Amino acid sequence: MTEANGRKADHPIDPIFLKRFSPRAFTGEAIPQGELLTIFEAARWAPSAYNSQPWRLFYGCRDTAQWPLFLGLLNEPNQLWAKNAAAIVVLASKPNFLQPGTNNEMISKTPSYDTGAAWANLALQSAMLGWVAHGIIGFDTARAATELKLPGDWRVEAGVVIGRLGDKSILPEALAAREAPNSRRPLAETIFEGGYTG
């Protein structure tokens, strides 16, 4: 079976799924623009209902004019470790789209689901390039919508902190103790052939 990063899959999968995890220790290294754009390009190619691509990504990189805004959107516990990241991203979804081949606007039933697919692509591409991406919900979503000038019907979904993996010794003791890839529940508790048999 596949093993990587101290994890073991029960069935054969690509090792990238085991290598990817969500750490909090970052080196403070800046991310080259080309690598960041490659990460965003992977997100762009995620699947979505009617190919509506409802996700929008807003970002600020360290040592730029945007950095204080994006770092400041995070709650204080997340700021403690995210201050050493290379980039902070806010993902938002747009709820409506034009029905393909028409001028009819439709309301999507799955913008959050589709945006989650973009996040997964982003996280995996980050890992493939030797960066780590940590998804977060600990930030001020209302302020993010205002500061990023989102139209009123758009939804702020989540944040992502991207950086180069650092040594856990730089973290407060409580966070350092959690700084390791975690496991997953057994597949048999997640999948059901037919209806729920909990």
C-alpha atoms as a PDB file:
ATOM      1  CA  MET A   1       0.000   0.000   0.000  1.00  0.00           C
ATOM      2  CA  THR A   2       0.985   3.624  -0.445  1.00  0.00           C
ATOM      3  CA  GLU A   3       2.976   5.231   2.378  1.00  0.00           C
ATOM      4  CA  ALA A   4       4.275   8.794   2.734  1.00  0.00           C
ATOM      5  CA  ASN A   5       4.716  11.437   5.412  1.00  0.00           C
ATOM      6  CA  GLY A   6       4.146   8.910   8.182  1.00  0.00           C
ATOM      7  CA  ARG A   7       0.769   7.988   6.722  1.00  0.00           C
ATOM      8  CA  LYS A   8      -0.391   4.762   5.140  1.00  0.00           C
ATOM      9  CA  ALA A   9      -3.276   4.404   2.708  1.00  0.00           C
ATOM     10  CA  ASP A  10      -5.414   1.268   2.828  1.00  0.00           C
ATOM     11  CA  HIS A  11      -5.622   1.182  -0.968  1.00  0.00           C
ATOM     12  CA  PRO A  12      -3.154   2.310  -3.669  1.00  0.00           C
ATOM     13  CA  ILE A  13      -3.250   6.076  -4.295  1.00  0.00           C
ATOM     14  CA  ASP A  14      -0.749   8.615  -5.544  1.00  0.00           C
ATOM     15  CA  PRO A  15       1.647   9.588  -2.723  1.00  0.00           C
ATOM     16  CA  ILE A  16       0.802  13.291  -3.154  1.00  0.00           C
ATOM     17  CA  PHE A  17      -2.465  12.713  -1.267  1.00  0.00           C
ATOM     18  CA  LEU A  18      -0.496  11.521   1.763  1.00  0.00           C
ATOM     19  CA  LYS A  19       2.271  14.111   1.461  1.00  0.00           C
ATOM     20  CA  ARG A  20      -0.230  16.988   1.520  1.00  0.00           C
ATOM     21  CA  PHE A  21      -1.108  18.219   4.999  1.00  0.00           C
ATOM     22  CA  SER A  22      -1.931  21.490   6.738  1.00  0.00           C
ATOM     23  CA  PRO A  23       0.984  22.668   8.878  1.00  0.00           C
ATOM     24  CA  ARG A  24       1.336  25.976  10.707  1.00  0.00           C
ATOM     25  CA  ALA A  25       5.128  26.335  10.766  1.00  0.00           C
ATOM     26  CA  PHE A  26       6.441  28.348   7.836  1.00  0.00           C
ATOM     27  CA  THR A  27       9.919  29.598   6.988  1.00  0.00           C
ATOM     28  CA  GLY A  28       8.966  33.148   6.005  1.00  0.00           C
ATOM     29  CA  GLU A  29      10.268  32.499   2.485  1.00  0.00           C
ATOM     30  CA  ALA A  30       8.567  34.498  -0.274  1.00  0.00           C
ATOM     31  CA  ILE A  31       6.908  32.518  -3.063  1.00  0.00           C
ATOM     32  CA  PRO A  32       8.053  33.282  -6.615  1.00  0.00           C
ATOM     33  CA  GLN A  33       5.234  34.801  -8.681  1.00  0.00           C
ATOM     34  CA  GLY A  34       5.519  32.061 -11.313  1.00  0.00           C
ATOM     35  CA  GLU A  35       5.013  29.296  -8.746  1.00  0.00           C
ATOM     36  CA  LEU A  36       2.052  31.087  -7.181  1.00  0.00           C
ATOM     37  CA  LEU A  37       0.464  31.492 -10.610  1.00  0.00           C
ATOM     38  CA  THR A  38       1.004  27.775 -11.272  1.00  0.00           C
ATOM     39  CA  ILE A  39      -0.853  27.009  -8.029  1.00  0.00           C
ATOM     40  CA  PHE A  40      -3.705  29.310  -9.087  1.00  0.00           C
ATOM     41  CA  GLU A  41      -3.702  27.773 -12.566  1.00  0.00           C
ATOM     42  CA  ALA A  42      -4.349  24.360 -11.034  1.00  0.00           C
ATOM     43  CA  ALA A  43      -7.314  25.823  -9.141  1.00  0.00           C
ATOM     44  CA  ARG A  44      -8.623  27.282 -12.406  1.00  0.00           C
ATOM     45  CA  TRP A  45      -8.934  23.807 -13.927  1.00  0.00           C
ATOM     46  CA  ALA A  46     -11.168  22.383 -11.205  1.00  0.00           C
ATOM     47  CA  PRO A  47     -14.523  20.911 -12.302  1.00  0.00           C
ATOM     48  CA  SER A  48     -17.758  22.815 -11.687  1.00  0.00           C
ATOM     49  CA  ALA A  49     -21.446  22.577 -12.497  1.00  0.00           C
ATOM     50  CA  TYR A  50     -22.066  23.714 -16.090  1.00  0.00           C
ATOM     51  CA  ASN A  51     -18.391  24.742 -16.107  1.00  0.00           C
ATOM     52  CA  SER A  52     -19.612  27.852 -14.257  1.00  0.00           C
ATOM     53  CA  GLN A  53     -16.311  28.256 -12.354  1.00  0.00           C
ATOM     54  CA  PRO A  54     -17.943  30.194  -9.501  1.00  0.00           C
ATOM     55  CA  TRP A  55     -14.753  30.620  -7.473  1.00  0.00           C
ATOM     56  CA  ARG A  56     -12.824  33.852  -7.186  1.00  0.00           C
ATOM     57  CA  LEU A  57      -9.450  34.004  -5.455  1.00  0.00           C
ATOM     58  CA  PHE A  58      -8.126  37.150  -3.770  1.00  0.00           C
ATOM     59  CA  TYR A  59      -4.604  37.170  -2.401  1.00  0.00           C
ATOM     60  CA  GLY A  60      -1.838  39.102  -0.754  1.00  0.00           C
ATOM     61  CA  CYS A  61       1.827  38.113  -0.659  1.00  0.00           C
ATOM     62  CA  ARG A  62       4.252  38.866   2.144  1.00  0.00           C
ATOM     63  CA  ASP A  63       6.313  42.053   1.753  1.00  0.00           C
ATOM     64  CA  THR A  64       3.677  43.669  -0.483  1.00  0.00           C
ATOM     65  CA  ALA A  65       1.183  46.460   0.112  1.00  0.00           C
ATOM     66  CA  GLN A  66      -1.653  43.887   0.321  1.00  0.00           C
ATOM     67  CA  TRP A  67      -0.051  41.749   3.051  1.00  0.00           C
ATOM     68  CA  PRO A  68      -1.217  43.763   6.106  1.00  0.00           C
ATOM     69  CA  LEU A  69      -4.828  43.633   4.905  1.00  0.00           C
ATOM     70  CA  PHE A  70      -4.855  39.869   4.352  1.00  0.00           C
ATOM     71  CA  LEU A  71      -2.962  39.041   7.540  1.00  0.00           C
ATOM     72  CA  GLY A  72      -5.249  41.397   9.437  1.00  0.00           C
ATOM     73  CA  LEU A  73      -8.354  39.525   8.261  1.00  0.00           C
ATOM     74  CA  LEU A  74      -7.258  36.444  10.220  1.00  0.00           C
ATOM     75  CA  ASN A  75      -8.213  35.943  13.835  1.00  0.00           C
ATOM     76  CA  GLU A  76      -5.395  36.435  16.353  1.00  0.00           C
ATOM     77  CA  PRO A  77      -4.565  32.741  16.871  1.00  0.00           C
ATOM     78  CA  ASN A  78      -4.128  32.290  13.113  1.00  0.00           C
ATOM     79  CA  GLN A  79      -2.094  35.491  12.772  1.00  0.00           C
ATOM     80  CA  LEU A  80       0.454  34.044  15.230  1.00  0.00           C
ATOM     81  CA  TRP A  81       1.570  31.423  12.729  1.00  0.00           C
ATOM     82  CA  ALA A  82       0.377  32.831   9.386  1.00  0.00           C
ATOM     83  CA  LYS A  83       2.684  35.845   9.776  1.00  0.00           C
ATOM     84  CA  ASN A  84       5.502  33.582   8.486  1.00  0.00           C
ATOM     85  CA  ALA A  85       3.604  32.459   5.374  1.00  0.00           C
ATOM     86  CA  ALA A  86       4.298  33.472   1.791  1.00  0.00           C
ATOM     87  CA  ALA A  87       0.725  34.261   0.720  1.00  0.00           C
ATOM     88  CA  ILE A  88      -2.787  34.431   2.114  1.00  0.00           C
ATOM     89  CA  VAL A  89      -5.735  33.702  -0.157  1.00  0.00           C
ATOM     90  CA  VAL A  90      -9.442  34.335   0.345  1.00  0.00           C
ATOM     91  CA  LEU A  91     -11.790  32.161  -1.710  1.00  0.00           C
ATOM     92  CA  ALA A  92     -15.238  33.457  -2.590  1.00  0.00           C
ATOM     93  CA  SER A  93     -18.016  32.009  -4.711  1.00  0.00           C
ATOM     94  CA  LYS A  94     -20.382  33.676  -7.136  1.00  0.00           C
ATOM     95  CA  PRO A  95     -23.905  32.243  -6.859  1.00  0.00           C
ATOM     96  CA  ASN A  96     -25.189  32.848 -10.382  1.00  0.00           C
ATOM     97  CA  PHE A  97     -23.955  32.188 -13.901  1.00  0.00           C
ATOM     98  CA  LEU A  98     -25.108  32.298 -17.504  1.00  0.00           C
ATOM     99  CA  GLN A  99     -26.626  29.052 -18.693  1.00  0.00           C
ATOM    100  CA  PRO A 100     -24.380  27.742 -21.476  1.00  0.00           C
ATOM    101  CA  GLY A 101     -25.506  28.844 -24.929  1.00  0.00           C
ATOM    102  CA  THR A 102     -28.042  31.356 -23.575  1.00  0.00           C
ATOM    103  CA  ASN A 103     -28.325  34.749 -21.935  1.00  0.00           C
ATOM    104  CA  ASN A 104     -30.341  33.216 -19.082  1.00  0.00           C
ATOM    105  CA  GLU A 105     -28.853  33.713 -15.656  1.00  0.00           C
ATOM    106  CA  MET A 106     -29.102  30.694 -13.370  1.00  0.00           C
ATOM    107  CA  ILE A 107     -28.605  30.324  -9.654  1.00  0.00           C
ATOM    108  CA  SER A 108     -26.098  27.588  -8.925  1.00  0.00           C
ATOM    109  CA  LYS A 109     -26.961  24.941  -6.356  1.00  0.00           C
ATOM    110  CA  THR A 110     -23.300  24.074  -5.799  1.00  0.00           C
ATOM    111  CA  PRO A 111     -21.013  27.142  -5.735  1.00  0.00           C
ATOM    112  CA  SER A 112     -19.474  26.150  -2.389  1.00  0.00           C
ATOM    113  CA  TYR A 113     -18.957  22.567  -3.569  1.00  0.00           C
ATOM    114  CA  ASP A 114     -17.324  23.768  -6.786  1.00  0.00           C
ATOM    115  CA  THR A 115     -15.112  26.237  -4.928  1.00  0.00           C
ATOM    116  CA  GLY A 116     -14.030  23.354  -2.703  1.00  0.00           C
ATOM    117  CA  ALA A 117     -12.832  21.536  -5.822  1.00  0.00           C
ATOM    118  CA  ALA A 118     -10.702  24.568  -6.716  1.00  0.00           C
ATOM    119  CA  TRP A 119      -9.277  24.589  -3.185  1.00  0.00           C
ATOM    120  CA  ALA A 120      -8.354  20.895  -3.472  1.00  0.00           C
ATOM    121  CA  ASN A 121      -6.532  21.517  -6.759  1.00  0.00           C
ATOM    122  CA  LEU A 122      -4.722  24.469  -5.196  1.00  0.00           C
ATOM    123  CA  ALA A 123      -3.653  22.416  -2.172  1.00  0.00           C
ATOM    124  CA  LEU A 124      -2.383  19.491  -4.225  1.00  0.00           C
ATOM    125  CA  GLN A 125      -0.499  21.686  -6.711  1.00  0.00           C
ATOM    126  CA  SER A 126       1.120  23.497  -3.781  1.00  0.00           C
ATOM    127  CA  ALA A 127       2.325  20.149  -2.417  1.00  0.00           C
ATOM    128  CA  MET A 128       3.635  19.107  -5.828  1.00  0.00           C
ATOM    129  CA  LEU A 129       5.762  22.269  -5.938  1.00  0.00           C
ATOM    130  CA  GLY A 130       7.125  21.809  -2.424  1.00  0.00           C
ATOM    131  CA  TRP A 131       4.852  24.389  -0.779  1.00  0.00           C
ATOM    132  CA  VAL A 132       2.128  23.744   1.764  1.00  0.00           C
ATOM    133  CA  ALA A 133      -1.387  25.169   1.797  1.00  0.00           C
ATOM    134  CA  HIS A 134      -3.410  25.335   5.002  1.00  0.00           C
ATOM    135  CA  GLY A 135      -7.130  25.987   4.633  1.00  0.00           C
ATOM    136  CA  ILE A 136      -8.693  28.134   7.354  1.00  0.00           C
ATOM    137  CA  ILE A 137     -12.057  29.412   8.479  1.00  0.00           C
ATOM    138  CA  GLY A 138     -10.682  31.470  11.362  1.00  0.00           C
ATOM    139  CA  PHE A 139     -10.961  34.926   9.850  1.00  0.00           C
ATOM    140  CA  ASP A 140     -13.418  37.802   9.581  1.00  0.00           C
ATOM    141  CA  THR A 141     -15.538  36.829   6.570  1.00  0.00           C
ATOM    142  CA  ALA A 142     -17.785  39.890   6.782  1.00  0.00           C
ATOM    143  CA  ARG A 143     -14.818  42.231   6.844  1.00  0.00           C
ATOM    144  CA  ALA A 144     -13.177  40.267   4.018  1.00  0.00           C
ATOM    145  CA  ALA A 145     -16.279  40.777   1.858  1.00  0.00           C
ATOM    146  CA  THR A 146     -16.216  44.506   2.578  1.00  0.00           C
ATOM    147  CA  GLU A 147     -12.463  45.078   2.263  1.00  0.00           C
ATOM    148  CA  LEU A 148     -12.235  43.037  -0.947  1.00  0.00           C
ATOM    149  CA  LYS A 149     -15.265  44.875  -2.386  1.00  0.00           C
ATOM    150  CA  LEU A 150     -17.240  41.725  -3.144  1.00  0.00           C
ATOM    151  CA  PRO A 151     -20.679  42.147  -4.732  1.00  0.00           C
ATOM    152  CA  GLY A 152     -23.449  41.611  -2.175  1.00  0.00           C
ATOM    153  CA  ASP A 153     -24.554  38.207  -3.431  1.00  0.00           C
ATOM    154  CA  TRP A 154     -21.068  36.661  -3.389  1.00  0.00           C
ATOM    155  CA  ARG A 155     -20.093  34.401  -0.494  1.00  0.00           C
ATOM    156  CA  VAL A 156     -16.730  34.349   1.256  1.00  0.00           C
ATOM    157  CA  GLU A 157     -15.982  30.636   1.570  1.00  0.00           C
ATOM    158  CA  ALA A 158     -12.619  30.115   3.235  1.00  0.00           C
ATOM    159  CA  GLY A 159      -9.046  31.247   3.490  1.00  0.00           C
ATOM    160  CA  VAL A 160      -5.788  29.566   2.541  1.00  0.00           C
ATOM    161  CA  VAL A 161      -2.335  30.209   3.949  1.00  0.00           C
ATOM    162  CA  ILE A 162       0.508  29.161   1.620  1.00  0.00           C
ATOM    163  CA  GLY A 163       4.137  28.863   2.640  1.00  0.00           C
ATOM    164  CA  ARG A 164       7.291  26.806   2.757  1.00  0.00           C
ATOM    165  CA  LEU A 165       7.265  24.249   5.555  1.00  0.00           C
ATOM    166  CA  GLY A 166       9.311  25.398   8.541  1.00  0.00           C
ATOM    167  CA  ASP A 167      10.449  23.826  11.784  1.00  0.00           C
ATOM    168  CA  LYS A 168       7.718  23.342  14.361  1.00  0.00           C
ATOM    169  CA  SER A 169       9.993  24.730  17.082  1.00  0.00           C
ATOM    170  CA  ILE A 170       9.040  28.251  15.980  1.00  0.00           C
ATOM    171  CA  LEU A 171       5.427  27.646  17.057  1.00  0.00           C
ATOM    172  CA  PRO A 172       3.910  28.070  20.510  1.00  0.00           C
ATOM    173  CA  GLU A 173       4.102  24.789  22.422  1.00  0.00           C
ATOM    174  CA  ALA A 174       0.416  23.909  22.017  1.00  0.00           C
ATOM    175  CA  LEU A 175       0.565  24.336  18.237  1.00  0.00           C
ATOM    176  CA  ALA A 176       3.923  22.587  17.901  1.00  0.00           C
ATOM    177  CA  ALA A 177       2.423  19.522  19.566  1.00  0.00           C
ATOM    178  CA  ARG A 178      -0.198  19.345  16.786  1.00  0.00           C
ATOM    179  CA  GLU A 179       2.268  19.942  13.928  1.00  0.00           C
ATOM    180  CA  ALA A 180       2.140  16.548  12.223  1.00  0.00           C
ATOM    181  CA  PRO A 181       0.137  14.970   9.417  1.00  0.00           C
ATOM    182  CA  ASN A 182      -3.066  13.500  10.828  1.00  0.00           C
ATOM    183  CA  SER A 183      -4.906  10.353   9.829  1.00  0.00           C
ATOM    184  CA  ARG A 184      -8.372   9.727   8.438  1.00  0.00           C
ATOM    185  CA  ARG A 185     -11.295   7.593   9.567  1.00  0.00           C
ATOM    186  CA  PRO A 186     -11.381   4.112   7.976  1.00  0.00           C
ATOM    187  CA  LEU A 187     -12.823   4.045   4.471  1.00  0.00           C
ATOM    188  CA  ALA A 188     -15.513   1.604   5.639  1.00  0.00           C
ATOM    189  CA  GLU A 189     -16.913   4.345   7.904  1.00  0.00           C
ATOM    190  CA  THR A 190     -17.099   6.818   5.010  1.00  0.00           C
ATOM    191  CA  ILE A 191     -18.524   4.909   2.040  1.00  0.00           C
ATOM    192  CA  PHE A 192     -21.835   3.068   1.773  1.00  0.00           C
ATOM    193  CA  GLU A 193     -22.933   0.806  -1.054  1.00  0.00           C
ATOM    194  CA  GLY A 194     -26.580   1.759  -1.133  1.00  0.00           C
ATOM    195  CA  GLY A 195     -28.144   3.577   1.839  1.00  0.00           C
ATOM    196  CA  TYR A 196     -26.709   4.568   5.182  1.00  0.00           C
ATOM    197  CA  THR A 197     -25.952   1.667   7.476  1.00  0.00           C
ATOM    198  CA  GLY A 198     -24.318   3.659  10.332  1.00  0.00           C
END
